[in-house]
Amino acid sequence: QQRFEELCEYKEANGHCRVPKSYEQNKSLGRWVGKMREYHKNNDMKQDPVWKNRFAQLEAVGFEWEGRCAVSEDSSVWQENSWQDRLN
C-alpha cells in the first residue's frame, strides 16, 4: 500500500504514472512499478482475487501496463513505445 500511495503522489506531481525504473528520487518506487508490470503479464496472477483488486486499483489511477518509455534529460518529455502507439 505504501508504494501505491507513492505512485499516487508521483502522478499528482507529474501528471502520469510512468515512473522510470531508474527513478532517482525513489528507486524503490521505480522497481515496484516494474514488478507490477511483470506480475500483470502473468495470467495466473490475473485470476487471483487479491491481485485482481490490486490491478484494478492501479488501473483506476491511470497505470499503464506497457511501460516501455524513455525520459529526456530533464524528465519532462516522454516518448512512449507502448503497444497502443504501435497500433496507430
PDB file of N, CA and C in Angstrom:
ATOM      1  N   GLN A   1       0.829  -1.197   0.000  1.00  0.00           N
ATOM      2  CA  GLN A   1       0.000   0.000   0.000  1.00  0.00           C
ATOM      3  C   GLN A   1       0.871   1.257   0.000  1.00  0.00           C
ATOM      4  N   GLN A   2       2.040   1.182   0.609  1.00  0.00           N
ATOM      5  CA  GLN A   2       2.931   2.345   0.649  1.00  0.00           C
ATOM      6  C   GLN A   2       3.351   2.755  -0.761  1.00  0.00           C
ATOM      7  N   ARG A   3       3.741   1.794  -1.585  1.00  0.00           N
ATOM      8  CA  ARG A   3       4.176   2.113  -2.951  1.00  0.00           C
ATOM      9  C   ARG A   3       3.015   2.679  -3.776  1.00  0.00           C
ATOM     10  N   PHE A   4       1.810   2.145  -3.552  1.00  0.00           N
ATOM     11  CA  PHE A   4       0.648   2.658  -4.275  1.00  0.00           C
ATOM     12  C   PHE A   4       0.437   4.136  -3.932  1.00  0.00           C
ATOM     13  N   GLU A   5       0.558   4.459  -2.662  1.00  0.00           N
ATOM     14  CA  GLU A   5       0.419   5.853  -2.235  1.00  0.00           C
ATOM     15  C   GLU A   5       1.517   6.724  -2.853  1.00  0.00           C
ATOM     16  N   GLU A   6       2.740   6.186  -2.911  1.00  0.00           N
ATOM     17  CA  GLU A   6       3.839   6.917  -3.539  1.00  0.00           C
ATOM     18  C   GLU A   6       3.566   7.122  -5.030  1.00  0.00           C
ATOM     19  N   LEU A   7       2.977   6.098  -5.671  1.00  0.00           N
ATOM     20  CA  LEU A   7       2.614   6.215  -7.077  1.00  0.00           C
ATOM     21  C   LEU A   7       1.584   7.327  -7.275  1.00  0.00           C
ATOM     22  N   CYS A   8       0.605   7.392  -6.404  1.00  0.00           N
ATOM     23  CA  CYS A   8      -0.420   8.446  -6.488  1.00  0.00           C
ATOM     24  C   CYS A   8       0.210   9.825  -6.313  1.00  0.00           C
ATOM     25  N   GLU A   9       1.172   9.938  -5.399  1.00  0.00           N
ATOM     26  CA  GLU A   9       1.875  11.207  -5.202  1.00  0.00           C
ATOM     27  C   GLU A   9       2.688  11.563  -6.446  1.00  0.00           C
ATOM     28  N   TYR A  10       3.327  10.546  -7.040  1.00  0.00           N
ATOM     29  CA  TYR A  10       4.098  10.763  -8.257  1.00  0.00           C
ATOM     30  C   TYR A  10       3.181  11.271  -9.371  1.00  0.00           C
ATOM     31  N   LYS A  11       2.011  10.648  -9.503  1.00  0.00           N
ATOM     32  CA  LYS A  11       1.068  11.062 -10.543  1.00  0.00           C
ATOM     33  C   LYS A  11       0.605  12.501 -10.315  1.00  0.00           C
ATOM     34  N   GLU A  12       0.337  12.834  -9.078  1.00  0.00           N
ATOM     35  CA  GLU A  12      -0.109  14.198  -8.770  1.00  0.00           C
ATOM     36  C   GLU A  12       0.964  15.219  -9.154  1.00  0.00           C
ATOM     37  N   ALA A  13       2.212  14.874  -8.912  1.00  0.00           N
ATOM     38  CA  ALA A  13       3.309  15.796  -9.205  1.00  0.00           C
ATOM     39  C   ALA A  13       3.669  15.838 -10.692  1.00  0.00           C
ATOM     40  N   ASN A  14       3.482  14.699 -11.406  1.00  0.00           N
ATOM     41  CA  ASN A  14       3.962  14.594 -12.778  1.00  0.00           C
ATOM     42  C   ASN A  14       2.866  14.469 -13.832  1.00  0.00           C
ATOM     43  N   GLY A  15       1.637  14.216 -13.394  1.00  0.00           N
ATOM     44  CA  GLY A  15       0.532  14.111 -14.338  1.00  0.00           C
ATOM     45  C   GLY A  15       0.384  12.768 -15.018  1.00  0.00           C
ATOM     46  N   HIS A  16       1.154  11.783 -14.613  1.00  0.00           N
ATOM     47  CA  HIS A  16       1.092  10.436 -15.198  1.00  0.00           C
ATOM     48  C   HIS A  16       1.699   9.429 -14.214  1.00  0.00           C
ATOM     49  N   CYS A  17       1.541   8.154 -14.530  1.00  0.00           N
ATOM     50  CA  CYS A  17       2.056   7.076 -13.668  1.00  0.00           C
ATOM     51  C   CYS A  17       3.251   6.360 -14.280  1.00  0.00           C
ATOM     52  N   ARG A  18       3.906   6.968 -15.246  1.00  0.00           N
ATOM     53  CA  ARG A  18       5.025   6.324 -15.933  1.00  0.00           C
ATOM     54  C   ARG A  18       6.328   6.564 -15.181  1.00  0.00           C
ATOM     55  N   VAL A  19       6.467   5.894 -14.059  1.00  0.00           N
ATOM     56  CA  VAL A  19       7.662   6.046 -13.234  1.00  0.00           C
ATOM     57  C   VAL A  19       8.810   5.287 -13.899  1.00  0.00           C
ATOM     58  N   PRO A  20       9.930   5.946 -14.151  1.00  0.00           N
ATOM     59  CA  PRO A  20      11.067   5.230 -14.736  1.00  0.00           C
ATOM     60  C   PRO A  20      11.610   4.185 -13.769  1.00  0.00           C
ATOM     61  N   LYS A  21      12.094   3.069 -14.292  1.00  0.00           N
ATOM     62  CA  LYS A  21      12.682   2.037 -13.431  1.00  0.00           C
ATOM     63  C   LYS A  21      13.848   2.595 -12.627  1.00  0.00           C
ATOM     64  N   SER A  22      14.572   3.523 -13.205  1.00  0.00           N
ATOM     65  CA  SER A  22      15.727   4.104 -12.527  1.00  0.00           C
ATOM     66  C   SER A  22      15.404   5.497 -11.980  1.00  0.00           C
ATOM     67  N   TYR A  23      14.229   5.626 -11.393  1.00  0.00           N
ATOM     68  CA  TYR A  23      13.773   6.906 -10.839  1.00  0.00           C
ATOM     69  C   TYR A  23      14.640   7.272  -9.643  1.00  0.00           C
ATOM     70  N   GLU A  24      15.486   8.259  -9.815  1.00  0.00           N
ATOM     71  CA  GLU A  24      16.485   8.612  -8.799  1.00  0.00           C
ATOM     72  C   GLU A  24      15.882   9.068  -7.469  1.00  0.00           C
ATOM     73  N   GLN A  25      14.758   9.779  -7.513  1.00  0.00           N
ATOM     74  CA  GLN A  25      14.167  10.286  -6.279  1.00  0.00           C
ATOM     75  C   GLN A  25      13.563   9.182  -5.424  1.00  0.00           C
ATOM     76  N   ASN A  26      13.213   8.042  -6.039  1.00  0.00           N
ATOM     77  CA  ASN A  26      12.621   6.934  -5.277  1.00  0.00           C
ATOM     78  C   ASN A  26      12.845   5.642  -6.061  1.00  0.00           C
ATOM     79  N   LYS A  27      14.021   5.062  -5.896  1.00  0.00           N
ATOM     80  CA  LYS A  27      14.386   3.855  -6.640  1.00  0.00           C
ATOM     81  C   LYS A  27      13.452   2.695  -6.325  1.00  0.00           C
ATOM     82  N   SER A  28      12.978   2.612  -5.098  1.00  0.00           N
ATOM     83  CA  SER A  28      12.059   1.534  -4.718  1.00  0.00           C
ATOM     84  C   SER A  28      10.751   1.624  -5.494  1.00  0.00           C
ATOM     85  N   LEU A  29      10.259   2.835  -5.708  1.00  0.00           N
ATOM     86  CA  LEU A  29       9.030   3.019  -6.470  1.00  0.00           C
ATOM     87  C   LEU A  29       9.232   2.578  -7.916  1.00  0.00           C
ATOM     88  N   GLY A  30      10.350   2.940  -8.509  1.00  0.00           N
ATOM     89  CA  GLY A  30      10.645   2.529  -9.878  1.00  0.00           C
ATOM     90  C   GLY A  30      10.693   1.019 -10.020  1.00  0.00           C
ATOM     91  N   ARG A  31      11.326   0.348  -9.070  1.00  0.00           N
ATOM     92  CA  ARG A  31      11.391  -1.120  -9.100  1.00  0.00           C
ATOM     93  C   ARG A  31      10.003  -1.730  -8.909  1.00  0.00           C
ATOM     94  N   TRP A  32       9.221  -1.164  -7.999  1.00  0.00           N
ATOM     95  CA  TRP A  32       7.875  -1.677  -7.727  1.00  0.00           C
ATOM     96  C   TRP A  32       6.985  -1.566  -8.966  1.00  0.00           C
ATOM     97  N   VAL A  33       7.049  -0.441  -9.646  1.00  0.00           N
ATOM     98  CA  VAL A  33       6.262  -0.256 -10.868  1.00  0.00           C
ATOM     99  C   VAL A  33       6.640  -1.316 -11.900  1.00  0.00           C
ATOM    100  N   GLY A  34       7.930  -1.572 -12.046  1.00  0.00           N
ATOM    101  CA  GLY A  34       8.384  -2.613 -12.971  1.00  0.00           C
ATOM    102  C   GLY A  34       7.855  -3.982 -12.594  1.00  0.00           C
ATOM    103  N   LYS A  35       7.863  -4.285 -11.304  1.00  0.00           N
ATOM    104  CA  LYS A  35       7.349  -5.578 -10.845  1.00  0.00           C
ATOM    105  C   LYS A  35       5.847  -5.703 -11.069  1.00  0.00           C
ATOM    106  N   MET A  36       5.108  -4.616 -10.876  1.00  0.00           N
ATOM    107  CA  MET A  36       3.664  -4.675 -11.114  1.00  0.00           C
ATOM    108  C   MET A  36       3.388  -4.996 -12.578  1.00  0.00           C
ATOM    109  N   ARG A  37       4.176  -4.425 -13.476  1.00  0.00           N
ATOM    110  CA  ARG A  37       4.011  -4.726 -14.902  1.00  0.00           C
ATOM    111  C   ARG A  37       4.326  -6.190 -15.189  1.00  0.00           C
ATOM    112  N   GLU A  38       5.380  -6.699 -14.567  1.00  0.00           N
ATOM    113  CA  GLU A  38       5.734  -8.115 -14.750  1.00  0.00           C
ATOM    114  C   GLU A  38       4.622  -9.013 -14.225  1.00  0.00           C
ATOM    115  N   TYR A  39       4.124  -8.717 -13.040  1.00  0.00           N
ATOM    116  CA  TYR A  39       3.069  -9.537 -12.441  1.00  0.00           C
ATOM    117  C   TYR A  39       1.805  -9.511 -13.294  1.00  0.00           C
ATOM    118  N   HIS A  40       1.501  -8.369 -13.887  1.00  0.00           N
ATOM    119  CA  HIS A  40       0.294  -8.237 -14.707  1.00  0.00           C
ATOM    120  C   HIS A  40       0.375  -9.118 -15.951  1.00  0.00           C
ATOM    121  N   LYS A  41       1.581  -9.367 -16.438  1.00  0.00           N
ATOM    122  CA  LYS A  41       1.763 -10.228 -17.607  1.00  0.00           C
ATOM    123  C   LYS A  41       1.495 -11.699 -17.275  1.00  0.00           C
ATOM    124  N   ASN A  42       1.535 -12.050 -16.010  1.00  0.00           N
ATOM    125  CA  ASN A  42       1.338 -13.422 -15.565  1.00  0.00           C
ATOM    126  C   ASN A  42      -0.156 -13.718 -15.482  1.00  0.00           C
ATOM    127  N   ASN A  43      -0.663 -14.506 -16.397  1.00  0.00           N
ATOM    128  CA  ASN A  43      -2.102 -14.782 -16.457  1.00  0.00           C
ATOM    129  C   ASN A  43      -2.640 -15.443 -15.202  1.00  0.00           C
ATOM    130  N   ASP A  44      -1.850 -16.277 -14.532  1.00  0.00           N
ATOM    131  CA  ASP A  44      -2.316 -16.912 -13.297  1.00  0.00           C
ATOM    132  C   ASP A  44      -2.588 -15.872 -12.218  1.00  0.00           C
ATOM    133  N   MET A  45      -1.748 -14.862 -12.154  1.00  0.00           N
ATOM    134  CA  MET A  45      -1.925 -13.820 -11.137  1.00  0.00           C
ATOM    135  C   MET A  45      -3.165 -12.991 -11.428  1.00  0.00           C
ATOM    136  N   LYS A  46      -3.515 -12.835 -12.696  1.00  0.00           N
ATOM    137  CA  LYS A  46      -4.699 -12.052 -13.059  1.00  0.00           C
ATOM    138  C   LYS A  46      -5.974 -12.709 -12.533  1.00  0.00           C
ATOM    139  N   GLN A  47      -5.931 -14.008 -12.285  1.00  0.00           N
ATOM    140  CA  GLN A  47      -7.104 -14.730 -11.794  1.00  0.00           C
ATOM    141  C   GLN A  47      -7.218 -14.679 -10.267  1.00  0.00           C
ATOM    142  N   ASP A  48      -6.145 -14.378  -9.592  1.00  0.00           N
ATOM    143  CA  ASP A  48      -6.137 -14.326  -8.131  1.00  0.00           C
ATOM    144  C   ASP A  48      -6.907 -13.090  -7.668  1.00  0.00           C
ATOM    145  N   PRO A  49      -7.889 -13.251  -6.772  1.00  0.00           N
ATOM    146  CA  PRO A  49      -8.711 -12.112  -6.328  1.00  0.00           C
ATOM    147  C   PRO A  49      -7.900 -10.962  -5.719  1.00  0.00           C
ATOM    148  N   VAL A  50      -6.862 -11.283  -4.983  1.00  0.00           N
ATOM    149  CA  VAL A  50      -6.042 -10.232  -4.365  1.00  0.00           C
ATOM    150  C   VAL A  50      -5.345  -9.409  -5.444  1.00  0.00           C
ATOM    151  N   TRP A  51      -4.782 -10.097  -6.424  1.00  0.00           N
ATOM    152  CA  TRP A  51      -4.089  -9.396  -7.495  1.00  0.00           C
ATOM    153  C   TRP A  51      -5.059  -8.682  -8.412  1.00  0.00           C
ATOM    154  N   LYS A  52      -6.216  -9.272  -8.647  1.00  0.00           N
ATOM    155  CA  LYS A  52      -7.231  -8.599  -9.457  1.00  0.00           C
ATOM    156  C   LYS A  52      -7.584  -7.247  -8.840  1.00  0.00           C
ATOM    157  N   ASN A  53      -7.715  -7.225  -7.530  1.00  0.00           N
ATOM    158  CA  ASN A  53      -8.018  -5.992  -6.815  1.00  0.00           C
ATOM    159  C   ASN A  53      -6.885  -4.975  -6.958  1.00  0.00           C
ATOM    160  N   ARG A  54      -5.661  -5.452  -6.801  1.00  0.00           N
ATOM    161  CA  ARG A  54      -4.514  -4.543  -6.918  1.00  0.00           C
ATOM    162  C   ARG A  54      -4.424  -3.981  -8.336  1.00  0.00           C
ATOM    163  N   PHE A  55      -4.596  -4.833  -9.334  1.00  0.00           N
ATOM    164  CA  PHE A  55      -4.540  -4.374 -10.718  1.00  0.00           C
ATOM    165  C   PHE A  55      -5.648  -3.353 -10.985  1.00  0.00           C
ATOM    166  N   ALA A  56      -6.824  -3.593 -10.427  1.00  0.00           N
ATOM    167  CA  ALA A  56      -7.942  -2.662 -10.605  1.00  0.00           C
ATOM    168  C   ALA A  56      -7.619  -1.305  -9.973  1.00  0.00           C
ATOM    169  N   GLN A  57      -6.987  -1.321  -8.802  1.00  0.00           N
ATOM    170  CA  GLN A  57      -6.587  -0.067  -8.147  1.00  0.00           C
ATOM    171  C   GLN A  57      -5.623   0.714  -9.036  1.00  0.00           C
ATOM    172  N   LEU A  58      -4.660   0.001  -9.593  1.00  0.00           N
ATOM    173  CA  LEU A  58      -3.666   0.653 -10.440  1.00  0.00           C
ATOM    174  C   LEU A  58      -4.321   1.236 -11.695  1.00  0.00           C
ATOM    175  N   GLU A  59      -5.207   0.476 -12.301  1.00  0.00           N
ATOM    176  CA  GLU A  59      -5.898   0.965 -13.497  1.00  0.00           C
ATOM    177  C   GLU A  59      -6.754   2.191 -13.180  1.00  0.00           C
ATOM    178  N   ALA A  60      -7.326   2.225 -11.984  1.00  0.00           N
ATOM    179  CA  ALA A  60      -8.185   3.340 -11.587  1.00  0.00           C
ATOM    180  C   ALA A  60      -7.419   4.666 -11.513  1.00  0.00           C
ATOM    181  N   VAL A  61      -6.116   4.593 -11.264  1.00  0.00           N
ATOM    182  CA  VAL A  61      -5.322   5.831 -11.204  1.00  0.00           C
ATOM    183  C   VAL A  61      -4.578   6.105 -12.507  1.00  0.00           C
ATOM    184  N   GLY A  62      -4.852   5.293 -13.538  1.00  0.00           N
ATOM    185  CA  GLY A  62      -4.252   5.549 -14.840  1.00  0.00           C
ATOM    186  C   GLY A  62      -2.929   4.850 -15.090  1.00  0.00           C
ATOM    187  N   PHE A  63      -2.685   3.757 -14.380  1.00  0.00           N
ATOM    188  CA  PHE A  63      -1.443   3.000 -14.566  1.00  0.00           C
ATOM    189  C   PHE A  63      -1.385   2.424 -15.974  1.00  0.00           C
ATOM    190  N   GLU A  64      -0.225   2.486 -16.596  1.00  0.00           N
ATOM    191  CA  GLU A  64      -0.031   1.956 -17.942  1.00  0.00           C
ATOM    192  C   GLU A  64       0.780   0.674 -17.863  1.00  0.00           C
ATOM    193  N   TRP A  65       0.187  -0.408 -18.343  1.00  0.00           N
ATOM    194  CA  TRP A  65       0.825  -1.719 -18.213  1.00  0.00           C
ATOM    195  C   TRP A  65       1.988  -1.908 -19.166  1.00  0.00           C
ATOM    196  N   GLU A  66       1.941  -1.274 -20.311  1.00  0.00           N
ATOM    197  CA  GLU A  66       3.059  -1.338 -21.249  1.00  0.00           C
ATOM    198  C   GLU A  66       3.944  -0.145 -20.941  1.00  0.00           C
ATOM    199  N   GLY A  67       4.995  -0.357 -20.195  1.00  0.00           N
ATOM    200  CA  GLY A  67       5.762   0.763 -19.676  1.00  0.00           C
ATOM    201  C   GLY A  67       7.056   1.060 -20.367  1.00  0.00           C
ATOM    202  N   ARG A  68       7.194   0.708 -21.606  1.00  0.00           N
ATOM    203  CA  ARG A  68       8.456   0.994 -22.296  1.00  0.00           C
ATOM    204  C   ARG A  68       8.480   2.458 -22.712  1.00  0.00           C
ATOM    205  N   CYS A  69       9.027   3.279 -21.835  1.00  0.00           N
ATOM    206  CA  CYS A  69       9.080   4.718 -22.074  1.00  0.00           C
ATOM    207  C   CYS A  69      10.513   5.193 -21.902  1.00  0.00           C
ATOM    208  N   ALA A  70      10.827   6.240 -22.568  1.00  0.00           N
ATOM    209  CA  ALA A  70      12.146   6.858 -22.413  1.00  0.00           C
ATOM    210  C   ALA A  70      11.944   8.278 -21.916  1.00  0.00           C
ATOM    211  N   VAL A  71      12.781   8.694 -21.004  1.00  0.00           N
ATOM    212  CA  VAL A  71      12.668  10.027 -20.420  1.00  0.00           C
ATOM    213  C   VAL A  71      13.793  10.893 -20.968  1.00  0.00           C
ATOM    214  N   SER A  72      13.477  12.132 -21.283  1.00  0.00           N
ATOM    215  CA  SER A  72      14.524  13.059 -21.721  1.00  0.00           C
ATOM    216  C   SER A  72      15.384  13.423 -20.525  1.00  0.00           C
ATOM    217  N   GLU A  73      16.439  14.136 -20.781  1.00  0.00           N
ATOM    218  CA  GLU A  73      17.350  14.504 -19.702  1.00  0.00           C
ATOM    219  C   GLU A  73      16.665  15.298 -18.605  1.00  0.00           C
ATOM    220  N   ASP A  74      15.698  16.133 -18.954  1.00  0.00           N
ATOM    221  CA  ASP A  74      15.046  16.940 -17.922  1.00  0.00           C
ATOM    222  C   ASP A  74      13.829  16.247 -17.328  1.00  0.00           C
ATOM    223  N   SER A  75      13.570  14.995 -17.711  1.00  0.00           N
ATOM    224  CA  SER A  75      12.481  14.180 -17.168  1.00  0.00           C
ATOM    225  C   SER A  75      11.095  14.757 -17.409  1.00  0.00           C
ATOM    226  N   SER A  76      10.976  15.744 -18.277  1.00  0.00           N
ATOM    227  CA  SER A  76       9.652  16.305 -18.508  1.00  0.00           C
ATOM    228  C   SER A  76       9.070  15.907 -19.858  1.00  0.00           C
ATOM    229  N   VAL A  77       9.887  15.360 -20.737  1.00  0.00           N
ATOM    230  CA  VAL A  77       9.414  14.977 -22.060  1.00  0.00           C
ATOM    231  C   VAL A  77       9.448  13.452 -22.160  1.00  0.00           C
ATOM    232  N   TRP A  78       8.310  12.881 -22.466  1.00  0.00           N
ATOM    233  CA  TRP A  78       8.206  11.414 -22.554  1.00  0.00           C
ATOM    234  C   TRP A  78       8.026  10.992 -23.995  1.00  0.00           C
ATOM    235  N   GLN A  79       8.652   9.904 -24.326  1.00  0.00           N
ATOM    236  CA  GLN A  79       8.466   9.315 -25.640  1.00  0.00           C
ATOM    237  C   GLN A  79       8.048   7.872 -25.406  1.00  0.00           C
ATOM    238  N   GLU A  80       6.796   7.546 -25.709  1.00  0.00           N
ATOM    239  CA  GLU A  80       6.244   6.241 -25.406  1.00  0.00           C
ATOM    240  C   GLU A  80       6.414   5.284 -26.561  1.00  0.00           C
ATOM    241  N   ASN A  81       6.705   4.039 -26.208  1.00  0.00           N
ATOM    242  CA  ASN A  81       6.772   2.969 -27.180  1.00  0.00           C
ATOM    243  C   ASN A  81       5.788   1.892 -26.781  1.00  0.00           C
ATOM    244  N   SER A  82       4.611   2.271 -26.412  1.00  0.00           N
ATOM    245  CA  SER A  82       3.623   1.299 -25.950  1.00  0.00           C
ATOM    246  C   SER A  82       2.963   0.607 -27.133  1.00  0.00           C
ATOM    247  N   TRP A  83       2.291  -0.473 -26.877  1.00  0.00           N
ATOM    248  CA  TRP A  83       1.600  -1.224 -27.931  1.00  0.00           C
ATOM    249  C   TRP A  83       0.530  -0.367 -28.585  1.00  0.00           C
ATOM    250  N   GLN A  84      -0.070   0.539 -27.829  1.00  0.00           N
ATOM    251  CA  GLN A  84      -1.100   1.404 -28.387  1.00  0.00           C
ATOM    252  C   GLN A  84      -0.508   2.312 -29.463  1.00  0.00           C
ATOM    253  N   ASP A  85       0.684   2.826 -29.224  1.00  0.00           N
ATOM    254  CA  ASP A  85       1.322   3.683 -30.209  1.00  0.00           C
ATOM    255  C   ASP A  85       1.631   2.898 -31.485  1.00  0.00           C
ATOM    256  N   ARG A  86       2.038   1.651 -31.322  1.00  0.00           N
ATOM    257  CA  ARG A  86       2.369   0.838 -32.486  1.00  0.00           C
ATOM    258  C   ARG A  86       1.134   0.481 -33.304  1.00  0.00           C
ATOM    259  N   LEU A  87      -0.030   0.445 -32.677  1.00  0.00           N
ATOM    260  CA  LEU A  87      -1.242   0.124 -33.398  1.00  0.00           C
ATOM    261  C   LEU A  87      -1.762   1.283 -34.231  1.00  0.00           C
ATOM    262  N   ASN A  88      -1.424   2.498 -33.841  1.00  0.00           N
ATOM    263  CA  ASN A  88      -1.923   3.679 -34.561  1.00  0.00           C
ATOM    264  C   ASN A  88      -1.119   4.004 -35.792  1.00  0.00           C
TER     265      ASN A  88
END
